[in-house]
Amino acid sequence: MDIIAPDDDRARLESLTVDAEPDTLTRIHVLIREAEAEAGRTCEDCGKPGKLRRGGWVRTLCNEDWVRHQRRHEDDGAGSNT
C-alpha cells in the first residue's frame, strides 16, 4: 500500500490520499467502521463500556463519567441537558 504525501492543493484541503488494491481499500473501510462502532460504545474518559450521551456535545460516556459530567456542568451554572 502506498500513502501519497499531500501536494500543495491537498495540504490546503487537509486531505490524505491512500493508493491501494481494491481488496485492501475494502479492508480499510471495514476497519474504520469497526473503530467507529467501538468508539460509540467506549467511554471517551476512562475506556469502560459507555453509550452516546446528548447534551450540548454528543459524547460517549459510561454512567459514572456521565454523572460526573452532569455535576460539573451544574456546578458551572450551565444546568443539565439530557
N, C-alpha and C. Protein backbone atom coordinates (compact mmCIF):
# COMPACT_ATOMS: atom_id res chain seq x y z
N MET A 1 0.86 -1.18 0.00
CA MET A 1 0.00 0.00 0.00
C MET A 1 0.90 1.22 0.00
N ASP A 2 0.58 2.17 -0.85
CA ASP A 2 1.32 3.43 -0.93
C ASP A 2 0.50 4.53 -0.30
N ILE A 3 1.11 5.31 0.55
CA ILE A 3 0.48 6.51 1.08
C ILE A 3 1.16 7.68 0.41
N ILE A 4 0.37 8.48 -0.26
CA ILE A 4 0.91 9.58 -1.04
C ILE A 4 0.83 10.86 -0.21
N ALA A 5 1.97 11.51 -0.03
CA ALA A 5 2.00 12.76 0.73
C ALA A 5 1.19 13.81 0.01
N PRO A 6 0.47 14.62 0.78
CA PRO A 6 -0.35 15.65 0.13
C PRO A 6 0.51 16.67 -0.61
N ASP A 7 0.05 17.04 -1.81
CA ASP A 7 0.73 18.13 -2.52
C ASP A 7 0.16 19.45 -2.00
N ASP A 8 0.56 20.56 -2.57
CA ASP A 8 0.12 21.87 -2.07
C ASP A 8 -1.38 22.01 -2.05
N ASP A 9 -2.07 21.55 -3.12
CA ASP A 9 -3.53 21.68 -3.17
C ASP A 9 -4.18 20.83 -2.09
N ARG A 10 -3.74 19.61 -1.93
CA ARG A 10 -4.32 18.73 -0.92
C ARG A 10 -4.00 19.22 0.49
N ALA A 11 -2.82 19.77 0.68
CA ALA A 11 -2.44 20.25 2.01
C ALA A 11 -3.40 21.35 2.46
N ARG A 12 -3.79 22.20 1.54
CA ARG A 12 -4.74 23.25 1.90
C ARG A 12 -6.09 22.67 2.28
N LEU A 13 -6.45 21.53 1.69
CA LEU A 13 -7.73 20.89 1.99
C LEU A 13 -7.61 19.85 3.11
N GLU A 14 -6.41 19.71 3.65
CA GLU A 14 -6.12 18.76 4.73
C GLU A 14 -6.60 17.36 4.39
N SER A 15 -6.21 16.87 3.22
CA SER A 15 -6.60 15.53 2.82
C SER A 15 -5.36 14.65 2.67
N LEU A 16 -5.61 13.36 2.69
CA LEU A 16 -4.55 12.38 2.53
C LEU A 16 -5.06 11.34 1.54
N THR A 17 -4.26 10.99 0.56
CA THR A 17 -4.65 10.01 -0.43
C THR A 17 -3.96 8.69 -0.13
N VAL A 18 -4.74 7.62 -0.10
CA VAL A 18 -4.19 6.28 0.09
C VAL A 18 -4.45 5.52 -1.20
N ASP A 19 -3.39 5.02 -1.81
CA ASP A 19 -3.49 4.26 -3.04
C ASP A 19 -3.24 2.80 -2.71
N ALA A 20 -4.26 1.96 -2.90
CA ALA A 20 -4.12 0.55 -2.53
C ALA A 20 -4.98 -0.29 -3.46
N GLU A 21 -4.74 -1.57 -3.42
CA GLU A 21 -5.56 -2.51 -4.19
C GLU A 21 -6.98 -2.47 -3.65
N PRO A 22 -7.98 -2.76 -4.49
CA PRO A 22 -9.38 -2.71 -4.05
C PRO A 22 -9.67 -3.54 -2.80
N ASP A 23 -9.09 -4.74 -2.71
CA ASP A 23 -9.31 -5.58 -1.52
C ASP A 23 -8.76 -4.92 -0.26
N THR A 24 -7.62 -4.25 -0.39
CA THR A 24 -7.02 -3.56 0.75
C THR A 24 -7.88 -2.37 1.16
N LEU A 25 -8.38 -1.61 0.18
CA LEU A 25 -9.26 -0.48 0.49
C LEU A 25 -10.54 -0.94 1.17
N THR A 26 -11.08 -2.07 0.72
CA THR A 26 -12.27 -2.62 1.36
C THR A 26 -11.98 -2.95 2.81
N ARG A 27 -10.84 -3.57 3.07
CA ARG A 27 -10.46 -3.91 4.45
C ARG A 27 -10.28 -2.65 5.30
N ILE A 28 -9.69 -1.61 4.72
CA ILE A 28 -9.51 -0.34 5.45
C ILE A 28 -10.88 0.22 5.85
N HIS A 29 -11.84 0.19 4.92
CA HIS A 29 -13.17 0.71 5.23
C HIS A 29 -13.86 -0.12 6.31
N VAL A 30 -13.66 -1.43 6.29
CA VAL A 30 -14.21 -2.30 7.34
C VAL A 30 -13.60 -1.94 8.69
N LEU A 31 -12.29 -1.75 8.73
CA LEU A 31 -11.62 -1.38 9.98
C LEU A 31 -12.11 -0.03 10.50
N ILE A 32 -12.33 0.92 9.60
CA ILE A 32 -12.85 2.23 10.02
C ILE A 32 -14.24 2.08 10.62
N ARG A 33 -15.12 1.31 9.97
CA ARG A 33 -16.47 1.10 10.51
C ARG A 33 -16.42 0.42 11.87
N GLU A 34 -15.52 -0.58 12.02
CA GLU A 34 -15.38 -1.26 13.30
C GLU A 34 -14.91 -0.29 14.39
N ALA A 35 -13.96 0.58 14.04
CA ALA A 35 -13.45 1.56 15.01
C ALA A 35 -14.54 2.55 15.39
N GLU A 36 -15.34 2.98 14.42
CA GLU A 36 -16.43 3.91 14.72
C GLU A 36 -17.45 3.26 15.65
N ALA A 37 -17.78 2.00 15.40
CA ALA A 37 -18.73 1.29 16.25
C ALA A 37 -18.18 1.13 17.67
N GLU A 38 -16.91 0.78 17.78
CA GLU A 38 -16.28 0.63 19.10
C GLU A 38 -16.25 1.96 19.84
N ALA A 39 -15.97 3.04 19.13
CA ALA A 39 -15.95 4.37 19.76
C ALA A 39 -17.32 4.75 20.28
N GLY A 40 -18.37 4.27 19.64
CA GLY A 40 -19.73 4.58 20.07
C GLY A 40 -20.18 3.82 21.30
N ARG A 41 -19.36 2.87 21.76
CA ARG A 41 -19.72 2.11 22.96
C ARG A 41 -18.58 2.06 23.99
N THR A 42 -17.59 2.95 23.83
CA THR A 42 -16.46 3.00 24.75
C THR A 42 -16.37 4.40 25.33
N CYS A 43 -16.36 4.50 26.67
CA CYS A 43 -16.28 5.80 27.34
C CYS A 43 -15.00 6.52 26.92
N GLU A 44 -15.16 7.74 26.44
CA GLU A 44 -14.00 8.50 25.98
C GLU A 44 -13.17 9.06 27.12
N ASP A 45 -13.69 9.00 28.36
CA ASP A 45 -12.91 9.47 29.51
C ASP A 45 -12.09 8.35 30.16
N CYS A 46 -12.69 7.14 30.28
CA CYS A 46 -11.99 6.09 31.04
C CYS A 46 -11.81 4.78 30.28
N GLY A 47 -12.50 4.60 29.15
CA GLY A 47 -12.35 3.38 28.36
C GLY A 47 -13.31 2.26 28.74
N LYS A 48 -14.11 2.46 29.79
CA LYS A 48 -15.10 1.45 30.16
C LYS A 48 -16.24 1.45 29.14
N PRO A 49 -17.10 0.43 29.18
CA PRO A 49 -18.26 0.45 28.28
C PRO A 49 -19.10 1.70 28.54
N GLY A 50 -19.55 2.32 27.47
CA GLY A 50 -20.36 3.53 27.59
C GLY A 50 -21.39 3.58 26.49
N LYS A 51 -22.09 4.69 26.42
CA LYS A 51 -23.06 4.89 25.35
C LYS A 51 -23.09 6.36 24.99
N LEU A 52 -23.68 6.65 23.81
CA LEU A 52 -23.76 8.03 23.36
C LEU A 52 -24.66 8.83 24.29
N ARG A 53 -24.19 9.99 24.69
CA ARG A 53 -24.94 10.90 25.56
C ARG A 53 -25.08 12.23 24.84
N ARG A 54 -26.26 12.77 24.86
CA ARG A 54 -26.51 14.05 24.21
C ARG A 54 -26.72 15.11 25.29
N GLY A 55 -26.26 16.29 25.02
CA GLY A 55 -26.41 17.40 25.95
C GLY A 55 -25.37 18.44 25.59
N GLY A 56 -25.69 19.27 24.63
CA GLY A 56 -24.68 20.18 24.10
C GLY A 56 -23.88 19.43 23.05
N TRP A 57 -22.81 18.78 23.48
CA TRP A 57 -21.99 17.93 22.62
C TRP A 57 -22.48 16.50 22.73
N VAL A 58 -22.30 15.71 21.68
CA VAL A 58 -22.57 14.28 21.74
C VAL A 58 -21.27 13.61 22.16
N ARG A 59 -21.33 12.88 23.28
CA ARG A 59 -20.13 12.21 23.80
C ARG A 59 -20.47 10.78 24.15
N THR A 60 -19.49 9.91 24.13
CA THR A 60 -19.67 8.53 24.57
C THR A 60 -19.08 8.43 25.97
N LEU A 61 -19.95 8.16 26.96
CA LEU A 61 -19.53 8.11 28.36
C LEU A 61 -20.17 6.94 29.08
N CYS A 62 -19.45 6.39 30.07
CA CYS A 62 -20.04 5.39 30.96
C CYS A 62 -20.96 6.13 31.94
N ASN A 63 -21.72 5.38 32.73
CA ASN A 63 -22.65 6.00 33.68
C ASN A 63 -21.92 6.91 34.68
N GLU A 64 -20.80 6.43 35.22
CA GLU A 64 -20.06 7.21 36.22
C GLU A 64 -19.57 8.54 35.65
N ASP A 65 -18.97 8.50 34.47
CA ASP A 65 -18.45 9.73 33.89
C ASP A 65 -19.58 10.65 33.42
N TRP A 66 -20.71 10.08 33.02
CA TRP A 66 -21.86 10.90 32.64
C TRP A 66 -22.36 11.69 33.84
N VAL A 67 -22.48 11.02 35.01
CA VAL A 67 -22.91 11.70 36.23
C VAL A 67 -21.91 12.79 36.59
N ARG A 68 -20.62 12.48 36.52
CA ARG A 68 -19.57 13.45 36.83
C ARG A 68 -19.67 14.64 35.86
N HIS A 69 -19.89 14.36 34.60
CA HIS A 69 -20.01 15.41 33.58
C HIS A 69 -21.22 16.30 33.89
N GLN A 70 -22.35 15.70 34.24
CA GLN A 70 -23.55 16.45 34.56
C GLN A 70 -23.33 17.34 35.79
N ARG A 71 -22.70 16.79 36.82
CA ARG A 71 -22.42 17.57 38.04
C ARG A 71 -21.52 18.76 37.74
N ARG A 72 -20.51 18.53 36.92
CA ARG A 72 -19.57 19.60 36.57
C ARG A 72 -20.30 20.75 35.87
N HIS A 73 -21.23 20.42 34.99
CA HIS A 73 -21.98 21.45 34.28
C HIS A 73 -22.98 22.14 35.21
N GLU A 74 -23.55 21.42 36.14
CA GLU A 74 -24.45 22.04 37.11
C GLU A 74 -23.68 23.01 38.00
N ASP A 75 -22.46 22.61 38.40
CA ASP A 75 -21.62 23.48 39.23
C ASP A 75 -21.22 24.74 38.48
N ASP A 76 -21.09 24.64 37.15
CA ASP A 76 -20.72 25.80 36.33
C ASP A 76 -21.92 26.69 36.06
N GLY A 77 -23.10 26.27 36.52
CA GLY A 77 -24.31 27.06 36.29
C GLY A 77 -24.92 26.82 34.93
N ALA A 78 -24.44 25.81 34.21
CA ALA A 78 -24.96 25.55 32.88
C ALA A 78 -26.22 24.70 32.91
N GLY A 79 -26.53 24.09 34.05
CA GLY A 79 -27.69 23.21 34.13
C GLY A 79 -27.38 21.89 33.47
N SER A 80 -28.33 20.98 33.45
CA SER A 80 -28.09 19.68 32.85
C SER A 80 -28.95 19.53 31.62
N ASN A 81 -28.32 19.12 30.54
CA ASN A 81 -29.03 18.79 29.30
C ASN A 81 -28.94 17.29 29.12
N THR A 82 -30.05 16.63 28.95
CA THR A 82 -30.03 15.19 28.79
C THR A 82 -30.23 14.79 27.37
